[in-house]
Amino acid sequence: NRFERAADQAKNICQEVLYMCTGEYAKHTGSEVYRLLFVDEHNSCRSPMAEIIGASLRQPHFVFASAGLDPRERVDSATAFFMQQKGFDLGRVKPRAVSQVPHLDHYQIIVALAAEARRVFPPSPTKTVCLDWSVRDPSTVHGTAEAINTAYEETFQFLHSNIQDLVEAIQGDA
């Protein structure tokens, strides 16, 4: 038993070193999971929308998460209401900081939903794909209910379309 445990630990160390050097996962080959992180300023509107849209695609080889540079205490109430009308529940989503994301270096794709969020991109060279999808924050729109709803709808459609296209592109390469 002791030899087996020592061999397993040595194998795990070797796999971690291979990942550090190449960026390729040696663990669980054949069952690759793609990790996508959506980042914006407060993790209270756009990034939770993107996370829940991604999760709704029910793709078993994808993990979607979100974070913010300076997270708010809770998801914006207008955002939660809009998403509820679309059939999505943001009730259990709690905003978090990028620094609270476990194993940030294991995310293959980081999507900045605001220009400021690009600062979380790892320095080059990196195996992480960094995308800038800067999109207007609908929670900052003021005016009539129709104008606010239109802003949310535009952001929702932009995120839904881009996330779906990205997932399809990755599956096509796999």
C-alpha atoms as a PDB file:
ATOM      1  CA  ASN A   1       0.000   0.000   0.000  1.00  0.00           C
ATOM      2  CA  ARG A   2       2.814   2.423   0.848  1.00  0.00           C
ATOM      3  CA  PHE A   3       4.566   1.803  -2.470  1.00  0.00           C
ATOM      4  CA  GLU A   4       1.316   2.321  -4.327  1.00  0.00           C
ATOM      5  CA  ARG A   5       0.643   5.616  -2.530  1.00  0.00           C
ATOM      6  CA  ALA A   6       4.190   6.809  -3.170  1.00  0.00           C
ATOM      7  CA  ALA A   7       3.868   5.874  -6.848  1.00  0.00           C
ATOM      8  CA  ASP A   8       0.535   7.742  -7.099  1.00  0.00           C
ATOM      9  CA  GLN A   9       2.066  10.828  -5.502  1.00  0.00           C
ATOM     10  CA  ALA A  10       5.061  10.700  -7.853  1.00  0.00           C
ATOM     11  CA  LYS A  11       2.704  10.373 -10.812  1.00  0.00           C
ATOM     12  CA  ASN A  12       0.670  13.383  -9.623  1.00  0.00           C
ATOM     13  CA  ILE A  13       3.833  15.458  -9.212  1.00  0.00           C
ATOM     14  CA  CYS A  14       4.964  14.529 -12.719  1.00  0.00           C
ATOM     15  CA  GLN A  15       1.576  15.476 -14.165  1.00  0.00           C
ATOM     16  CA  GLU A  16       1.681  18.847 -12.388  1.00  0.00           C
ATOM     17  CA  VAL A  17       5.208  19.514 -13.728  1.00  0.00           C
ATOM     18  CA  LEU A  18       4.056  18.645 -17.255  1.00  0.00           C
ATOM     19  CA  TYR A  19       1.172  21.090 -16.852  1.00  0.00           C
ATOM     20  CA  MET A  20       3.504  23.818 -15.566  1.00  0.00           C
ATOM     21  CA  CYS A  21       5.865  23.355 -18.502  1.00  0.00           C
ATOM     22  CA  THR A  22       3.394  22.776 -21.341  1.00  0.00           C
ATOM     23  CA  GLY A  23      -0.001  23.984 -20.136  1.00  0.00           C
ATOM     24  CA  GLU A  24      -1.465  20.625 -21.153  1.00  0.00           C
ATOM     25  CA  TYR A  25      -3.439  18.519 -18.697  1.00  0.00           C
ATOM     26  CA  ALA A  26      -2.098  14.995 -18.393  1.00  0.00           C
ATOM     27  CA  LYS A  27      -4.735  14.045 -15.825  1.00  0.00           C
ATOM     28  CA  HIS A  28      -7.967  12.468 -17.002  1.00  0.00           C
ATOM     29  CA  THR A  29      -7.032  12.359 -20.661  1.00  0.00           C
ATOM     30  CA  GLY A  30     -10.023  11.932 -22.912  1.00  0.00           C
ATOM     31  CA  SER A  31     -12.334  13.704 -20.489  1.00  0.00           C
ATOM     32  CA  GLU A  32     -11.070  17.238 -20.990  1.00  0.00           C
ATOM     33  CA  VAL A  33     -13.130  19.931 -19.369  1.00  0.00           C
ATOM     34  CA  TYR A  34     -12.926  23.467 -20.679  1.00  0.00           C
ATOM     35  CA  ARG A  35     -13.014  26.112 -17.987  1.00  0.00           C
ATOM     36  CA  LEU A  36     -14.317  29.567 -18.951  1.00  0.00           C
ATOM     37  CA  LEU A  37     -14.174  32.558 -16.643  1.00  0.00           C
ATOM     38  CA  PHE A  38     -16.181  35.714 -17.325  1.00  0.00           C
ATOM     39  CA  VAL A  39     -14.816  38.860 -15.668  1.00  0.00           C
ATOM     40  CA  ASP A  40     -16.212  42.374 -15.314  1.00  0.00           C
ATOM     41  CA  GLU A  41     -15.907  45.157 -12.747  1.00  0.00           C
ATOM     42  CA  HIS A  42     -18.436  44.136 -10.073  1.00  0.00           C
ATOM     43  CA  ASN A  43     -19.637  40.611 -10.870  1.00  0.00           C
ATOM     44  CA  SER A  44     -23.182  41.840 -10.370  1.00  0.00           C
ATOM     45  CA  CYS A  45     -24.593  42.089 -13.909  1.00  0.00           C
ATOM     46  CA  ARG A  46     -22.800  41.008 -17.103  1.00  0.00           C
ATOM     47  CA  SER A  47     -20.545  38.258 -15.777  1.00  0.00           C
ATOM     48  CA  PRO A  48     -23.282  36.452 -13.782  1.00  0.00           C
ATOM     49  CA  MET A  49     -25.504  36.725 -16.879  1.00  0.00           C
ATOM     50  CA  ALA A  50     -22.757  35.102 -18.961  1.00  0.00           C
ATOM     51  CA  GLU A  51     -22.127  32.382 -16.368  1.00  0.00           C
ATOM     52  CA  ILE A  52     -25.788  31.385 -16.158  1.00  0.00           C
ATOM     53  CA  ILE A  53     -26.220  31.512 -19.949  1.00  0.00           C
ATOM     54  CA  GLY A  54     -23.203  29.219 -20.368  1.00  0.00           C
ATOM     55  CA  ALA A  55     -24.471  26.808 -17.712  1.00  0.00           C
ATOM     56  CA  SER A  56     -27.885  26.707 -19.428  1.00  0.00           C
ATOM     57  CA  LEU A  57     -26.272  25.176 -22.513  1.00  0.00           C
ATOM     58  CA  ARG A  58     -25.797  21.993 -20.442  1.00  0.00           C
ATOM     59  CA  GLN A  59     -22.484  21.083 -22.008  1.00  0.00           C
ATOM     60  CA  PRO A  60     -20.820  18.378 -19.864  1.00  0.00           C
ATOM     61  CA  HIS A  61     -17.287  19.306 -20.994  1.00  0.00           C
ATOM     62  CA  PHE A  62     -17.597  22.986 -20.035  1.00  0.00           C
ATOM     63  CA  VAL A  63     -17.417  24.734 -16.680  1.00  0.00           C
ATOM     64  CA  PHE A  64     -18.528  28.363 -16.569  1.00  0.00           C
ATOM     65  CA  ALA A  65     -17.654  30.773 -13.769  1.00  0.00           C
ATOM     66  CA  SER A  66     -17.680  34.508 -13.183  1.00  0.00           C
ATOM     67  CA  ALA A  67     -15.840  37.027 -11.039  1.00  0.00           C
ATOM     68  CA  GLY A  68     -15.313  40.737 -10.671  1.00  0.00           C
ATOM     69  CA  LEU A  69     -12.440  43.113 -10.071  1.00  0.00           C
ATOM     70  CA  ASP A  70     -14.307  44.818  -7.216  1.00  0.00           C
ATOM     71  CA  PRO A  71     -17.357  42.636  -6.490  1.00  0.00           C
ATOM     72  CA  ARG A  72     -20.574  44.039  -5.103  1.00  0.00           C
ATOM     73  CA  GLU A  73     -22.388  42.464  -2.206  1.00  0.00           C
ATOM     74  CA  ARG A  74     -25.126  40.957  -4.374  1.00  0.00           C
ATOM     75  CA  VAL A  75     -26.286  40.614  -7.958  1.00  0.00           C
ATOM     76  CA  ASP A  76     -28.015  43.734  -9.284  1.00  0.00           C
ATOM     77  CA  SER A  77     -31.758  43.421  -8.611  1.00  0.00           C
ATOM     78  CA  ALA A  78     -32.759  44.641 -12.096  1.00  0.00           C
ATOM     79  CA  THR A  79     -30.424  42.051 -13.611  1.00  0.00           C
ATOM     80  CA  ALA A  80     -31.913  39.276 -11.464  1.00  0.00           C
ATOM     81  CA  PHE A  81     -35.430  40.391 -12.469  1.00  0.00           C
ATOM     82  CA  PHE A  82     -34.573  40.497 -16.182  1.00  0.00           C
ATOM     83  CA  MET A  83     -32.934  37.064 -16.082  1.00  0.00           C
ATOM     84  CA  GLN A  84     -35.890  35.663 -14.133  1.00  0.00           C
ATOM     85  CA  GLN A  85     -38.177  36.831 -16.956  1.00  0.00           C
ATOM     86  CA  LYS A  86     -35.911  34.878 -19.339  1.00  0.00           C
ATOM     87  CA  GLY A  87     -36.235  31.749 -17.169  1.00  0.00           C
ATOM     88  CA  PHE A  88     -32.863  31.995 -15.408  1.00  0.00           C
ATOM     89  CA  ASP A  89     -32.445  32.063 -11.627  1.00  0.00           C
ATOM     90  CA  LEU A  90     -29.620  34.266 -10.337  1.00  0.00           C
ATOM     91  CA  GLY A  91     -30.868  33.886  -6.744  1.00  0.00           C
ATOM     92  CA  ARG A  92     -28.011  31.625  -5.688  1.00  0.00           C
ATOM     93  CA  VAL A  93     -25.259  33.556  -7.479  1.00  0.00           C
ATOM     94  CA  LYS A  94     -23.012  35.420  -5.052  1.00  0.00           C
ATOM     95  CA  PRO A  95     -20.555  37.934  -6.519  1.00  0.00           C
ATOM     96  CA  ARG A  96     -16.892  37.163  -5.894  1.00  0.00           C
ATOM     97  CA  ALA A  97     -13.523  38.674  -6.625  1.00  0.00           C
ATOM     98  CA  VAL A  98     -11.094  37.277  -9.167  1.00  0.00           C
ATOM     99  CA  SER A  99      -8.760  36.532  -6.229  1.00  0.00           C
ATOM    100  CA  GLN A 100     -11.461  34.217  -4.812  1.00  0.00           C
ATOM    101  CA  VAL A 101     -11.530  32.006  -7.915  1.00  0.00           C
ATOM    102  CA  PRO A 102      -9.864  28.714  -6.992  1.00  0.00           C
ATOM    103  CA  HIS A 103      -7.166  27.511  -9.394  1.00  0.00           C
ATOM    104  CA  LEU A 104      -7.403  30.529 -11.680  1.00  0.00           C
ATOM    105  CA  ASP A 105      -4.416  29.171 -13.609  1.00  0.00           C
ATOM    106  CA  HIS A 106      -6.515  26.133 -14.640  1.00  0.00           C
ATOM    107  CA  TYR A 107      -8.937  28.220 -16.694  1.00  0.00           C
ATOM    108  CA  GLN A 108      -8.297  27.790 -20.412  1.00  0.00           C
ATOM    109  CA  ILE A 109     -10.414  30.790 -21.436  1.00  0.00           C
ATOM    110  CA  ILE A 110     -10.846  34.150 -19.722  1.00  0.00           C
ATOM    111  CA  VAL A 111     -13.412  36.524 -21.189  1.00  0.00           C
ATOM    112  CA  ALA A 112     -13.264  40.199 -20.224  1.00  0.00           C
ATOM    113  CA  LEU A 113     -16.716  41.752 -20.421  1.00  0.00           C
ATOM    114  CA  ALA A 114     -15.335  45.213 -19.642  1.00  0.00           C
ATOM    115  CA  ALA A 115     -12.146  46.891 -20.836  1.00  0.00           C
ATOM    116  CA  GLU A 116     -10.911  47.177 -17.225  1.00  0.00           C
ATOM    117  CA  ALA A 117     -11.178  43.404 -16.789  1.00  0.00           C
ATOM    118  CA  ARG A 118      -8.372  42.802 -19.297  1.00  0.00           C
ATOM    119  CA  ARG A 119      -5.893  43.367 -16.482  1.00  0.00           C
ATOM    120  CA  VAL A 120      -6.603  39.853 -15.194  1.00  0.00           C
ATOM    121  CA  PHE A 121      -5.278  38.344 -18.424  1.00  0.00           C
ATOM    122  CA  PRO A 122      -2.096  36.382 -17.720  1.00  0.00           C
ATOM    123  CA  PRO A 123       1.069  37.801 -19.291  1.00  0.00           C
ATOM    124  CA  SER A 124       2.244  36.328 -22.592  1.00  0.00           C
ATOM    125  CA  PRO A 125       3.273  33.698 -23.430  1.00  0.00           C
ATOM    126  CA  THR A 126       0.367  31.725 -22.055  1.00  0.00           C
ATOM    127  CA  LYS A 127      -1.810  28.798 -23.020  1.00  0.00           C
ATOM    128  CA  THR A 128      -4.860  30.666 -21.721  1.00  0.00           C
ATOM    129  CA  VAL A 129      -7.060  32.133 -24.427  1.00  0.00           C
ATOM    130  CA  CYS A 130      -7.978  35.704 -23.490  1.00  0.00           C
ATOM    131  CA  LEU A 131     -10.999  37.291 -25.161  1.00  0.00           C
ATOM    132  CA  ASP A 132     -12.223  40.865 -24.932  1.00  0.00           C
ATOM    133  CA  TRP A 133     -15.999  40.973 -25.261  1.00  0.00           C
ATOM    134  CA  SER A 134     -16.462  44.426 -23.793  1.00  0.00           C
ATOM    135  CA  VAL A 135     -20.185  45.043 -23.735  1.00  0.00           C
ATOM    136  CA  ARG A 136     -22.268  47.815 -22.210  1.00  0.00           C
ATOM    137  CA  ASP A 137     -23.357  47.261 -18.609  1.00  0.00           C
ATOM    138  CA  PRO A 138     -27.179  47.448 -18.763  1.00  0.00           C
ATOM    139  CA  SER A 139     -27.409  48.022 -14.997  1.00  0.00           C
ATOM    140  CA  THR A 140     -25.935  51.499 -15.537  1.00  0.00           C
ATOM    141  CA  VAL A 141     -28.563  52.542 -18.092  1.00  0.00           C
ATOM    142  CA  HIS A 142     -31.074  55.134 -16.894  1.00  0.00           C
ATOM    143  CA  GLY A 143     -34.271  56.231 -18.543  1.00  0.00           C
ATOM    144  CA  THR A 144     -37.567  54.649 -19.399  1.00  0.00           C
ATOM    145  CA  ALA A 145     -38.371  51.067 -18.551  1.00  0.00           C
ATOM    146  CA  GLU A 146     -38.331  50.323 -22.268  1.00  0.00           C
ATOM    147  CA  ALA A 147     -34.811  51.762 -22.706  1.00  0.00           C
ATOM    148  CA  ILE A 148     -33.513  49.783 -19.737  1.00  0.00           C
ATOM    149  CA  ASN A 149     -35.142  46.570 -20.959  1.00  0.00           C
ATOM    150  CA  THR A 150     -33.702  47.152 -24.437  1.00  0.00           C
ATOM    151  CA  ALA A 151     -30.201  47.523 -22.960  1.00  0.00           C
ATOM    152  CA  TYR A 152     -30.591  44.267 -21.026  1.00  0.00           C
ATOM    153  CA  GLU A 153     -31.956  42.475 -24.094  1.00  0.00           C
ATOM    154  CA  GLU A 154     -29.036  43.651 -26.266  1.00  0.00           C
ATOM    155  CA  THR A 155     -26.484  42.511 -23.681  1.00  0.00           C
ATOM    156  CA  PHE A 156     -28.285  39.183 -23.215  1.00  0.00           C
ATOM    157  CA  GLN A 157     -28.408  38.502 -26.956  1.00  0.00           C
ATOM    158  CA  PHE A 158     -24.735  39.485 -27.383  1.00  0.00           C
ATOM    159  CA  LEU A 159     -23.623  37.168 -24.579  1.00  0.00           C
ATOM    160  CA  HIS A 160     -25.878  34.278 -25.593  1.00  0.00           C
ATOM    161  CA  SER A 161     -24.754  34.404 -29.217  1.00  0.00           C
ATOM    162  CA  ASN A 162     -21.042  34.712 -28.424  1.00  0.00           C
ATOM    163  CA  ILE A 163     -21.070  31.979 -25.774  1.00  0.00           C
ATOM    164  CA  GLN A 164     -22.954  29.598 -28.045  1.00  0.00           C
ATOM    165  CA  ASP A 165     -20.579  30.331 -30.948  1.00  0.00           C
ATOM    166  CA  LEU A 166     -17.530  29.836 -28.704  1.00  0.00           C
ATOM    167  CA  VAL A 167     -18.780  26.500 -27.365  1.00  0.00           C
ATOM    168  CA  GLU A 168     -19.564  25.288 -30.894  1.00  0.00           C
ATOM    169  CA  ALA A 169     -16.136  26.401 -32.138  1.00  0.00           C
ATOM    170  CA  ILE A 170     -14.376  24.548 -29.315  1.00  0.00           C
ATOM    171  CA  GLN A 171     -16.441  21.411 -29.886  1.00  0.00           C
ATOM    172  CA  GLY A 172     -15.638  21.580 -33.578  1.00  0.00           C
ATOM    173  CA  ASP A 173     -11.898  21.593 -32.785  1.00  0.00           C
ATOM    174  CA  ALA A 174     -12.143  18.806 -30.226  1.00  0.00           C
END
